[in-house]
N, C-alpha and C. Protein backbone atom coordinates (compact mmCIF):
# COMPACT_ATOMS: atom_id res chain seq x y z
N MET A 1 259.92 243.95 -32.99
CA MET A 1 258.50 242.97 -33.36
C MET A 1 257.96 243.64 -32.69
N SER A 2 256.24 244.15 -32.57
CA SER A 2 255.28 244.02 -31.43
C SER A 2 254.18 242.86 -31.08
N LYS A 3 254.11 243.04 -29.75
CA LYS A 3 253.47 241.77 -29.07
C LYS A 3 252.69 241.34 -30.62
N LYS A 4 251.71 242.03 -31.09
CA LYS A 4 250.84 242.30 -32.08
C LYS A 4 251.64 241.81 -33.37
N LYS A 5 252.41 241.80 -33.90
CA LYS A 5 252.01 241.53 -34.89
C LYS A 5 253.17 240.17 -35.15
N GLN A 6 253.65 239.47 -33.86
CA GLN A 6 254.46 238.10 -33.21
C GLN A 6 252.83 237.10 -33.05
N GLU A 7 252.06 238.23 -32.50
CA GLU A 7 251.35 236.52 -32.48
C GLU A 7 250.10 236.37 -33.62
N GLU A 8 250.07 237.53 -34.61
CA GLU A 8 249.60 237.16 -36.33
C GLU A 8 251.16 236.82 -37.38
N ILE A 9 251.94 236.33 -37.04
CA ILE A 9 252.64 235.84 -37.38
C ILE A 9 252.66 234.14 -36.98
N GLU A 10 252.41 234.27 -35.60
CA GLU A 10 252.13 232.31 -34.72
C GLU A 10 251.07 231.98 -35.38
N ASP A 11 249.55 232.74 -35.35
CA ASP A 11 248.79 232.64 -36.03
C ASP A 11 248.81 231.37 -37.07
N ASN A 12 248.96 232.51 -37.95
CA ASN A 12 249.62 232.07 -39.77
C ASN A 12 250.05 230.54 -40.16
N VAL A 13 251.36 230.71 -39.28
CA VAL A 13 252.11 229.51 -38.96
C VAL A 13 251.68 228.13 -38.28
N ASN A 14 250.71 228.66 -37.82
CA ASN A 14 249.71 227.78 -36.99
C ASN A 14 248.70 227.28 -37.97
N THR A 15 248.09 228.33 -39.00
CA THR A 15 246.95 228.04 -40.27
C THR A 15 247.39 226.89 -40.83
N GLU A 16 248.75 227.46 -40.88
CA GLU A 16 249.15 227.18 -43.22
C GLU A 16 250.59 225.59 -42.97
N ASN A 17 250.15 225.17 -41.28
CA ASN A 17 250.74 224.24 -41.12
C ASN A 17 250.56 222.98 -40.93
N PRO A 18 250.37 222.10 -41.60
CA PRO A 18 249.57 220.43 -41.57
C PRO A 18 249.61 219.31 -40.60
N ASN A 19 250.94 219.83 -39.61
CA ASN A 19 251.24 218.73 -38.68
C ASN A 19 250.63 219.44 -37.79
N ASN A 20 249.96 221.07 -37.35
CA ASN A 20 249.93 221.30 -36.14
C ASN A 20 248.50 221.36 -36.31
N THR A 21 247.87 220.16 -36.96
CA THR A 21 246.66 219.70 -36.28
C THR A 21 246.71 218.38 -35.75
N ALA A 22 247.79 217.09 -36.80
CA ALA A 22 248.79 216.39 -35.29
C ALA A 22 249.66 216.72 -33.95
N THR A 23 249.37 217.36 -33.85
CA THR A 23 250.06 218.12 -32.51
C THR A 23 248.63 218.72 -31.76
N GLU A 24 248.23 218.71 -32.46
CA GLU A 24 246.97 219.52 -31.34
C GLU A 24 245.99 217.49 -30.86
N GLU A 25 245.34 217.20 -31.91
CA GLU A 25 245.41 215.64 -31.65
C GLU A 25 245.79 214.48 -30.70
N SER A 26 247.20 214.82 -30.62
CA SER A 26 248.29 214.32 -29.75
C SER A 26 248.58 214.92 -28.53
N LYS A 27 247.73 216.13 -28.14
CA LYS A 27 246.88 217.40 -27.06
C LYS A 27 246.43 216.40 -26.37
N GLU A 28 245.07 216.30 -27.35
CA GLU A 28 243.80 215.02 -26.65
C GLU A 28 244.33 214.24 -26.21
N GLU A 29 245.45 212.99 -26.95
CA GLU A 29 245.90 211.68 -26.86
C GLU A 29 246.18 212.42 -25.89
N ARG A 30 247.07 213.13 -25.54
CA ARG A 30 247.99 212.59 -23.91
C ARG A 30 247.08 213.14 -22.84
N ALA A 31 246.29 213.79 -23.28
CA ALA A 31 245.31 214.34 -22.17
C ALA A 31 244.15 213.33 -21.84
N GLU A 32 243.76 212.04 -22.85
CA GLU A 32 242.70 211.25 -23.24
C GLU A 32 243.36 210.45 -22.00
N ASP A 33 244.38 209.87 -21.89
CA ASP A 33 245.39 208.87 -22.23
C ASP A 33 246.29 209.27 -20.32
N ALA A 34 246.14 210.90 -19.90
CA ALA A 34 246.06 211.13 -18.62
C ALA A 34 245.17 211.14 -17.56
N ASN A 35 243.14 211.19 -18.29
CA ASN A 35 242.14 210.91 -17.69
C ASN A 35 242.25 209.52 -17.45
N GLU A 36 242.92 208.69 -18.71
CA GLU A 36 242.68 207.38 -18.17
C GLU A 36 243.51 206.34 -17.38
N VAL A 37 245.26 207.10 -16.69
CA VAL A 37 245.79 206.99 -15.87
C VAL A 37 244.99 207.33 -14.84
N SER A 38 244.33 208.41 -14.51
CA SER A 38 244.80 209.11 -13.06
C SER A 38 242.99 208.18 -12.46
N THR A 39 241.95 207.55 -13.75
CA THR A 39 240.80 207.03 -13.43
C THR A 39 241.62 205.80 -13.39
N LEU A 40 242.48 205.43 -13.83
CA LEU A 40 242.92 203.91 -13.36
C LEU A 40 243.15 203.78 -12.08
N LYS A 41 243.72 204.82 -11.75
CA LYS A 41 245.18 205.52 -9.98
C LYS A 41 243.63 204.79 -9.65
N ALA A 42 243.03 205.69 -9.69
CA ALA A 42 241.38 205.71 -8.52
C ALA A 42 240.97 204.30 -8.54
N ASP A 43 240.27 203.73 -9.21
CA ASP A 43 240.29 202.71 -8.79
C ASP A 43 241.20 201.64 -8.27
N LEU A 44 242.99 201.15 -9.05
CA LEU A 44 243.35 201.09 -8.20
C LEU A 44 243.48 201.18 -6.37
N ALA A 45 243.22 202.73 -6.44
CA ALA A 45 243.40 202.80 -4.97
C ALA A 45 242.12 202.20 -4.10
N GLU A 46 241.24 202.42 -4.70
CA GLU A 46 239.83 201.77 -4.22
C GLU A 46 239.78 200.48 -4.04
N LEU A 47 240.44 199.74 -5.45
CA LEU A 47 240.59 197.80 -4.63
C LEU A 47 241.52 197.50 -3.69
N ASN A 48 242.94 198.55 -3.77
CA ASN A 48 242.75 198.30 -2.90
C ASN A 48 242.62 198.56 -1.13
N ASP A 49 242.02 199.40 -1.19
CA ASP A 49 240.89 199.81 -0.20
C ASP A 49 239.99 198.68 0.52
N LYS A 50 239.58 198.45 -0.55
CA LYS A 50 238.87 196.83 -0.69
C LYS A 50 239.67 195.56 0.06
N TYR A 51 240.60 195.40 -0.75
CA TYR A 51 241.00 194.77 -0.13
C TYR A 51 241.95 194.76 1.19
N LEU A 52 242.55 195.99 1.94
CA LEU A 52 242.99 195.91 2.85
C LEU A 52 241.50 195.39 3.93
N ARG A 53 240.39 196.50 3.85
CA ARG A 53 239.23 195.79 4.57
C ARG A 53 238.60 194.42 4.69
N LEU A 54 238.84 193.90 3.37
CA LEU A 54 238.26 192.36 3.39
C LEU A 54 239.29 191.38 4.57
N TYR A 55 240.68 192.08 4.29
CA TYR A 55 241.46 190.81 5.07
C TYR A 55 241.56 191.36 6.31
N SER A 56 241.14 192.95 6.84
CA SER A 56 241.04 192.90 8.41
C SER A 56 240.34 192.16 8.55
N GLU A 57 238.76 192.19 7.73
CA GLU A 57 237.48 191.33 8.41
C GLU A 57 237.56 190.03 8.32
N PHE A 58 238.25 189.42 7.16
CA PHE A 58 238.80 188.43 7.21
C PHE A 58 239.66 187.32 9.07
N ASP A 59 240.80 188.13 9.01
CA ASP A 59 241.50 188.03 10.18
C ASP A 59 240.72 188.53 11.53
N ASN A 60 239.85 189.30 11.84
CA ASN A 60 239.04 189.47 12.90
C ASN A 60 238.24 188.55 12.75
N PHE A 61 237.36 187.59 12.08
CA PHE A 61 236.88 187.14 11.85
C PHE A 61 237.92 185.11 12.46
N LYS A 62 238.66 184.87 12.25
CA LYS A 62 239.17 183.87 12.50
C LYS A 62 239.57 184.11 14.09
N ARG A 63 240.11 185.39 14.02
CA ARG A 63 239.76 185.30 15.66
C ARG A 63 239.06 185.21 16.95
N ARG A 64 237.73 186.19 16.03
CA ARG A 64 236.78 185.54 16.87
C ARG A 64 236.53 184.18 16.63
N THR A 65 236.29 183.63 15.66
CA THR A 65 235.73 181.60 15.72
C THR A 65 236.89 181.44 16.28
N ALA A 66 238.58 181.49 16.40
CA ALA A 66 238.92 180.46 17.56
C ALA A 66 238.57 180.89 19.16
N ARG A 67 237.98 182.44 19.13
CA ARG A 67 237.68 182.72 20.61
C ARG A 67 236.91 182.02 20.48
N GLU A 68 235.64 181.65 19.76
CA GLU A 68 234.44 181.09 20.24
C GLU A 68 234.75 179.40 20.61
N ARG A 69 235.60 179.01 20.01
CA ARG A 69 235.39 177.57 19.72
C ARG A 69 236.54 177.21 21.39
N ILE A 70 236.92 177.96 21.69
CA ILE A 70 237.61 177.77 23.41
C ILE A 70 236.55 177.97 24.09
N GLU A 71 236.10 179.20 24.06
CA GLU A 71 234.56 179.41 24.84
C GLU A 71 234.15 178.09 24.54
N LEU A 72 233.78 177.67 23.70
CA LEU A 72 232.67 176.72 23.40
C LEU A 72 233.20 175.08 24.00
N MET A 73 234.24 175.32 23.85
CA MET A 73 235.01 174.16 24.62
C MET A 73 235.03 173.93 26.20
N GLN A 74 235.84 175.29 26.09
CA GLN A 74 235.33 174.86 27.91
C GLN A 74 233.85 175.14 28.84
N SER A 75 232.20 175.86 27.91
CA SER A 75 231.24 175.59 28.41
C SER A 75 231.62 174.48 28.81
N ALA A 76 231.36 172.98 27.33
CA ALA A 76 230.78 171.55 27.55
C ALA A 76 232.01 170.77 28.25
N SER A 77 232.51 171.59 28.84
CA SER A 77 233.66 170.43 29.74
C SER A 77 232.88 171.04 30.95
N ARG A 78 232.24 171.95 30.68
CA ARG A 78 231.43 172.35 32.50
C ARG A 78 230.64 172.18 32.40
N GLU A 79 230.09 172.08 31.15
CA GLU A 79 228.29 171.57 31.71
C GLU A 79 228.88 169.78 31.91
N VAL A 80 229.66 169.14 31.38
CA VAL A 80 229.63 167.69 32.27
C VAL A 80 230.18 167.34 33.75
N ILE A 81 231.48 168.39 33.90
CA ILE A 81 231.59 168.56 35.74
C ILE A 81 230.28 168.79 36.30
N LEU A 82 229.61 169.70 35.92
CA LEU A 82 227.69 169.73 36.23
C LEU A 82 227.53 168.89 36.86
N ALA A 83 227.40 168.03 35.82
CA ALA A 83 226.41 166.69 35.81
C ALA A 83 226.59 165.41 36.47
N MET A 84 228.68 165.74 36.68
CA MET A 84 229.48 164.31 37.73
C MET A 84 229.42 164.55 38.85
N LEU A 85 229.05 166.52 39.26
CA LEU A 85 228.68 166.65 40.37
C LEU A 85 228.27 165.88 41.38
N PRO A 86 226.94 166.03 41.26
CA PRO A 86 226.42 165.03 42.35
C PRO A 86 227.30 163.30 42.80
N VAL A 87 227.03 162.96 41.21
CA VAL A 87 227.76 161.75 41.47
C VAL A 87 229.30 162.00 42.80
N LEU A 88 229.53 162.70 42.18
CA LEU A 88 230.79 162.49 43.74
C LEU A 88 230.59 162.95 44.75
N ASP A 89 229.24 163.53 44.95
CA ASP A 89 228.90 163.70 46.22
C ASP A 89 228.15 162.42 46.60
N ASP A 90 227.98 161.93 46.02
CA ASP A 90 227.33 160.53 46.58
C ASP A 90 229.05 159.69 46.64
N PHE A 91 229.79 159.78 46.14
CA PHE A 91 231.22 159.00 46.77
C PHE A 91 230.98 159.44 48.04
N GLU A 92 231.37 160.08 47.82
CA GLU A 92 231.45 161.26 49.21
C GLU A 92 230.69 160.30 50.73
N ARG A 93 229.83 160.70 50.80
CA ARG A 93 228.72 160.26 51.15
C ARG A 93 228.69 158.32 51.00
N ALA A 94 228.87 157.77 50.82
CA ALA A 94 229.15 156.20 50.43
C ALA A 94 230.22 156.21 51.27
N GLU A 95 231.91 156.89 50.99
CA GLU A 95 232.99 156.93 51.96
C GLU A 95 232.54 156.95 53.54
N LYS A 96 231.47 157.71 53.65
CA LYS A 96 231.03 157.80 55.24
C LYS A 96 230.21 156.94 55.95
N SER A 97 229.95 156.61 55.09
CA SER A 97 229.03 155.52 54.86
C SER A 97 229.64 154.19 55.46
N MET A 98 230.42 153.66 54.60
CA MET A 98 230.80 152.44 55.02
C MET A 98 232.01 152.85 56.29
N GLU A 99 232.42 153.67 56.58
CA GLU A 99 233.10 154.21 57.65
C GLU A 99 232.42 152.67 58.63
N ALA A 100 231.35 153.10 58.53
CA ALA A 100 230.51 153.21 60.36
C ALA A 100 230.14 151.70 59.53
N SER A 101 229.40 151.71 58.29
CA SER A 101 228.58 150.38 57.94
C SER A 101 229.16 149.10 58.48
N THR A 102 228.49 148.07 59.02
CA THR A 102 228.78 146.67 59.34
C THR A 102 228.56 145.84 58.45
N ASP A 103 226.66 145.75 56.96
CA ASP A 103 226.52 145.10 57.00
C ASP A 103 227.31 145.73 55.21
N ILE A 104 227.42 144.65 54.52
CA ILE A 104 228.26 144.61 53.61
C ILE A 104 227.69 144.80 52.40
N GLU A 105 226.16 144.41 51.65
CA GLU A 105 225.28 144.25 51.17
C GLU A 105 225.02 145.42 51.01
N ALA A 106 224.43 146.41 52.49
CA ALA A 106 224.27 147.64 51.68
C ALA A 106 225.18 148.71 50.99
N VAL A 107 226.45 148.60 51.63
CA VAL A 107 227.15 148.94 50.32
C VAL A 107 227.71 148.97 49.52
N LYS A 108 227.36 147.19 49.12
CA LYS A 108 227.97 147.24 47.75
C LYS A 108 226.40 147.49 46.69
N GLU A 109 224.92 147.60 47.25
CA GLU A 109 224.18 148.14 46.83
C GLU A 109 224.53 149.53 46.60
N GLY A 110 225.02 150.66 47.33
CA GLY A 110 225.69 152.13 47.47
C GLY A 110 226.26 151.95 46.28
N VAL A 111 227.31 151.31 45.71
CA VAL A 111 227.83 152.15 44.89
C VAL A 111 227.65 151.46 43.84
N LYS A 112 226.87 150.15 43.46
CA LYS A 112 226.15 149.89 42.54
C LYS A 112 225.15 151.31 42.32
N LEU A 113 224.39 151.50 42.50
CA LEU A 113 223.67 152.50 42.51
C LEU A 113 224.24 154.12 41.57
N ILE A 114 225.58 153.65 42.41
CA ILE A 114 225.97 155.04 42.12
C ILE A 114 226.87 155.09 40.63
N GLN A 115 227.39 153.79 40.79
CA GLN A 115 228.07 153.56 38.35
C GLN A 115 227.05 153.72 38.23
N HIS A 116 225.62 153.43 38.35
CA HIS A 116 224.10 153.49 37.92
C HIS A 116 224.12 155.02 37.04
N LYS A 117 224.01 156.05 38.25
CA LYS A 117 224.07 156.88 38.33
C LYS A 117 224.60 158.14 37.13
N MET A 118 226.47 157.60 37.70
CA MET A 118 226.99 158.11 36.83
C MET A 118 226.83 157.44 34.82
N LYS A 119 226.76 156.19 34.88
CA LYS A 119 226.61 155.26 34.02
C LYS A 119 225.47 156.50 32.75
N SER A 120 224.81 157.11 34.08
CA SER A 120 223.72 157.56 32.82
C SER A 120 223.61 158.71 32.90
N VAL A 121 224.49 160.09 33.33
CA VAL A 121 225.29 160.79 32.95
C VAL A 121 225.78 160.81 32.56
N LEU A 122 226.88 160.33 31.79
CA LEU A 122 227.48 160.19 30.74
C LEU A 122 227.06 159.46 29.32
N THR A 123 225.79 158.96 29.46
CA THR A 123 225.20 158.22 28.49
C THR A 123 224.14 159.82 28.29
N GLN A 124 224.14 160.75 28.87
CA GLN A 124 223.29 161.93 28.41
C GLN A 124 223.99 163.46 27.57
N SER A 125 225.82 162.67 28.04
CA SER A 125 226.42 163.33 27.91
C SER A 125 226.69 162.78 26.33
N GLY A 126 226.40 161.68 25.95
CA GLY A 126 226.52 161.26 24.77
C GLY A 126 227.87 159.65 25.05
N LEU A 127 228.37 159.88 25.31
CA LEU A 127 228.88 158.49 26.17
C LEU A 127 228.01 156.59 25.38
N GLN A 128 228.75 156.02 24.66
CA GLN A 128 228.50 154.78 24.51
C GLN A 128 229.71 154.06 24.21
N ALA A 129 229.28 152.56 25.25
CA ALA A 129 230.14 151.83 25.60
C ALA A 129 230.08 150.59 24.55
N LEU A 130 230.88 150.36 24.28
CA LEU A 130 231.44 149.78 23.02
C LEU A 130 231.41 147.51 23.38
N ASP A 131 229.82 147.56 22.49
CA ASP A 131 230.11 146.05 23.23
C ASP A 131 231.09 145.48 21.69
N SER A 132 232.07 144.81 21.96
CA SER A 132 232.83 143.53 21.34
C SER A 132 232.85 142.38 21.12
N ILE A 133 232.44 141.55 22.76
CA ILE A 133 232.48 140.44 22.25
C ILE A 133 231.98 139.41 21.63
N GLY A 134 232.46 138.67 20.83
CA GLY A 134 231.57 138.01 19.75
C GLY A 134 231.71 138.18 18.61
N LYS A 135 231.95 139.77 18.32
CA LYS A 135 232.01 140.72 17.40
C LYS A 135 232.98 140.32 16.64
N ASP A 136 233.64 140.31 15.37
CA ASP A 136 234.25 140.43 14.61
C ASP A 136 235.61 141.64 14.60
N PHE A 137 236.48 141.16 14.97
CA PHE A 137 237.76 142.74 15.38
C PHE A 137 238.01 142.79 13.84
N ASP A 138 238.08 144.63 14.24
CA ASP A 138 238.23 145.46 13.20
C ASP A 138 239.03 146.92 14.11
N VAL A 139 239.91 147.47 12.94
CA VAL A 139 240.27 147.74 13.87
C VAL A 139 240.49 149.55 13.85
N ASP A 140 238.92 149.61 13.83
CA ASP A 140 238.11 150.65 13.57
C ASP A 140 238.20 151.02 15.12
N PHE A 141 237.76 149.77 16.01
CA PHE A 141 237.29 150.18 17.21
C PHE A 141 237.33 149.14 17.80
N HIS A 142 238.72 148.36 17.45
CA HIS A 142 239.77 147.37 18.33
C HIS A 142 240.97 147.18 18.41
N GLU A 143 241.61 147.48 19.69
CA GLU A 143 242.67 146.88 20.07
C GLU A 143 243.40 146.01 20.19
N ALA A 144 243.72 145.00 19.37
CA ALA A 144 244.55 143.71 20.01
C ALA A 144 245.52 143.22 21.23
N VAL A 145 245.03 143.32 21.77
CA VAL A 145 246.47 143.30 22.81
C VAL A 145 247.39 141.51 23.12
N THR A 146 246.26 140.47 22.77
CA THR A 146 246.62 139.46 22.43
C THR A 146 245.76 138.14 21.50
N LYS A 147 246.34 137.22 20.81
CA LYS A 147 245.33 136.27 20.31
C LYS A 147 246.13 134.91 20.84
N ILE A 148 245.17 134.84 20.78
CA ILE A 148 244.39 133.33 21.64
C ILE A 148 244.20 131.67 20.64
N PRO A 149 244.41 130.36 20.42
CA PRO A 149 243.70 129.80 20.05
C PRO A 149 241.49 129.53 20.33
N ALA A 150 240.78 130.22 19.01
CA ALA A 150 239.91 130.10 19.22
C ALA A 150 239.20 128.99 20.02
N PRO A 151 238.81 129.03 21.39
CA PRO A 151 237.59 127.38 21.99
C PRO A 151 236.94 127.02 20.89
N THR A 152 236.34 127.82 19.54
CA THR A 152 235.60 127.19 18.97
C THR A 152 235.60 127.68 17.58
N GLU A 153 235.60 126.83 16.43
CA GLU A 153 235.44 126.77 15.34
C GLU A 153 235.26 128.71 14.42
N GLU A 154 233.86 128.66 15.06
CA GLU A 154 233.15 130.13 14.64
C GLU A 154 233.62 131.23 15.64
N LEU A 155 234.48 131.99 16.21
CA LEU A 155 235.10 132.33 16.97
C LEU A 155 236.47 133.09 16.58
N LYS A 156 237.07 132.29 15.59
CA LYS A 156 238.40 132.44 14.75
C LYS A 156 238.26 133.87 13.69
N GLY A 157 239.26 135.22 14.38
CA GLY A 157 239.02 136.25 13.96
C GLY A 157 237.85 137.35 14.57
N LYS A 158 237.09 136.71 15.49
CA LYS A 158 236.55 137.27 16.20
C LYS A 158 236.82 138.29 17.46
N VAL A 159 236.48 138.74 18.16
CA VAL A 159 236.84 139.16 19.89
C VAL A 159 236.41 138.25 20.98
N VAL A 160 237.59 137.13 21.43
CA VAL A 160 237.24 136.14 22.88
C VAL A 160 236.95 136.61 24.11
N ASP A 161 237.48 137.87 24.47
CA ASP A 161 237.74 138.91 25.73
C ASP A 161 237.94 139.83 25.52
N GLU A 162 237.12 140.75 26.72
CA GLU A 162 237.71 142.13 26.58
C GLU A 162 238.13 142.36 27.16
N VAL A 163 239.58 142.92 26.97
CA VAL A 163 240.45 143.31 28.60
C VAL A 163 240.26 144.80 29.25
N GLU A 164 240.19 145.81 28.30
CA GLU A 164 239.01 146.81 28.70
C GLU A 164 238.22 147.61 27.83
N ARG A 165 236.97 147.89 27.91
CA ARG A 165 235.99 148.33 27.13
C ARG A 165 236.43 150.00 26.64
N GLY A 166 235.53 149.78 25.55
CA GLY A 166 235.86 150.88 24.13
C GLY A 166 235.04 151.73 24.62
N TYR A 167 234.75 153.50 24.11
CA TYR A 167 234.06 153.80 23.70
C TYR A 167 233.64 154.85 22.90
N LEU A 168 232.21 155.22 22.42
CA LEU A 168 232.35 156.11 21.31
C LEU A 168 231.36 157.08 21.65
N LEU A 169 231.89 158.37 22.03
CA LEU A 169 231.08 159.92 21.80
C LEU A 169 230.98 160.56 21.15
N LYS A 170 229.31 160.88 21.28
CA LYS A 170 228.62 160.85 19.39
C LYS A 170 229.50 160.06 18.93
N ASP A 171 228.96 158.80 18.25
CA ASP A 171 229.72 158.14 17.57
C ASP A 171 230.82 158.53 16.61
N LYS A 172 231.72 158.68 17.69
CA LYS A 172 232.94 158.44 17.39
C LYS A 172 233.73 158.38 18.18
N VAL A 173 235.30 157.51 18.03
CA VAL A 173 236.27 156.49 19.44
C VAL A 173 236.87 157.50 19.94
N ILE A 174 236.46 157.65 21.06
CA ILE A 174 237.53 158.16 22.16
C ILE A 174 238.60 157.20 22.67
N ARG A 175 238.23 156.45 22.49
CA ARG A 175 238.99 155.04 23.33
C ARG A 175 238.65 153.38 22.73
N PHE A 176 240.01 153.36 22.45
CA PHE A 176 239.37 152.46 21.08
C PHE A 176 239.52 150.85 22.65
N ALA A 177 238.03 149.51 22.15
CA ALA A 177 238.26 148.61 23.11
C ALA A 177 239.89 147.70 22.78
N LYS A 178 240.06 147.12 24.67
CA LYS A 178 241.69 146.28 24.04
C LYS A 178 241.05 144.75 24.04
N VAL A 179 241.29 143.93 23.11
CA VAL A 179 240.72 142.90 23.28
C VAL A 179 242.01 141.66 23.11
N ILE A 180 240.66 140.51 22.90
CA ILE A 180 241.58 139.02 22.86
C ILE A 180 241.55 138.80 21.79
N VAL A 181 242.09 138.29 20.73
CA VAL A 181 241.39 137.89 19.51
C VAL A 181 241.78 136.50 19.37
N GLY A 182 240.43 135.66 19.26
CA GLY A 182 240.67 134.38 18.60
C GLY A 182 241.29 133.96 17.13
N GLU A 183 242.35 132.91 17.01
CA GLU A 183 242.95 132.67 16.31
C GLU A 183 242.96 131.20 15.43
């Protein structure tokens, strides 16, 4: 059989066969499905790329934030130390003058001035001393060392004496006051 005749027979079969249209429709559906699958694969690749970039960016952010926090802590302590250096210099000068001085009152006055200067530097850095004597005992600020019988009725449950002063740094307790409570 010649090729031409064979093609004619196939054409006749294709036109006479009603299932042939179903085959063409299924081919079209498969082509659409293939296009949809390729589109979904492209979308998945794009979303995966975005996810990886976002994850990498977040990881870099965490590292940078941790590094900045460390630098901030170091610079904050640096500033406090720089502010304390003049106080240290004053102590060294006082030590030298105490060796040669015979006037005890002048030495006491010098030490009081240095103490005042140190308190001033610490106050400027945000340090506050807690006043505890005569106030109600509060576990948020006080640590009870012992309890004694209250000298008066109004001192029951209140701080009678302070063994060690407590301090706040920018409204946060950094050292609890060690106190004696009346009962």
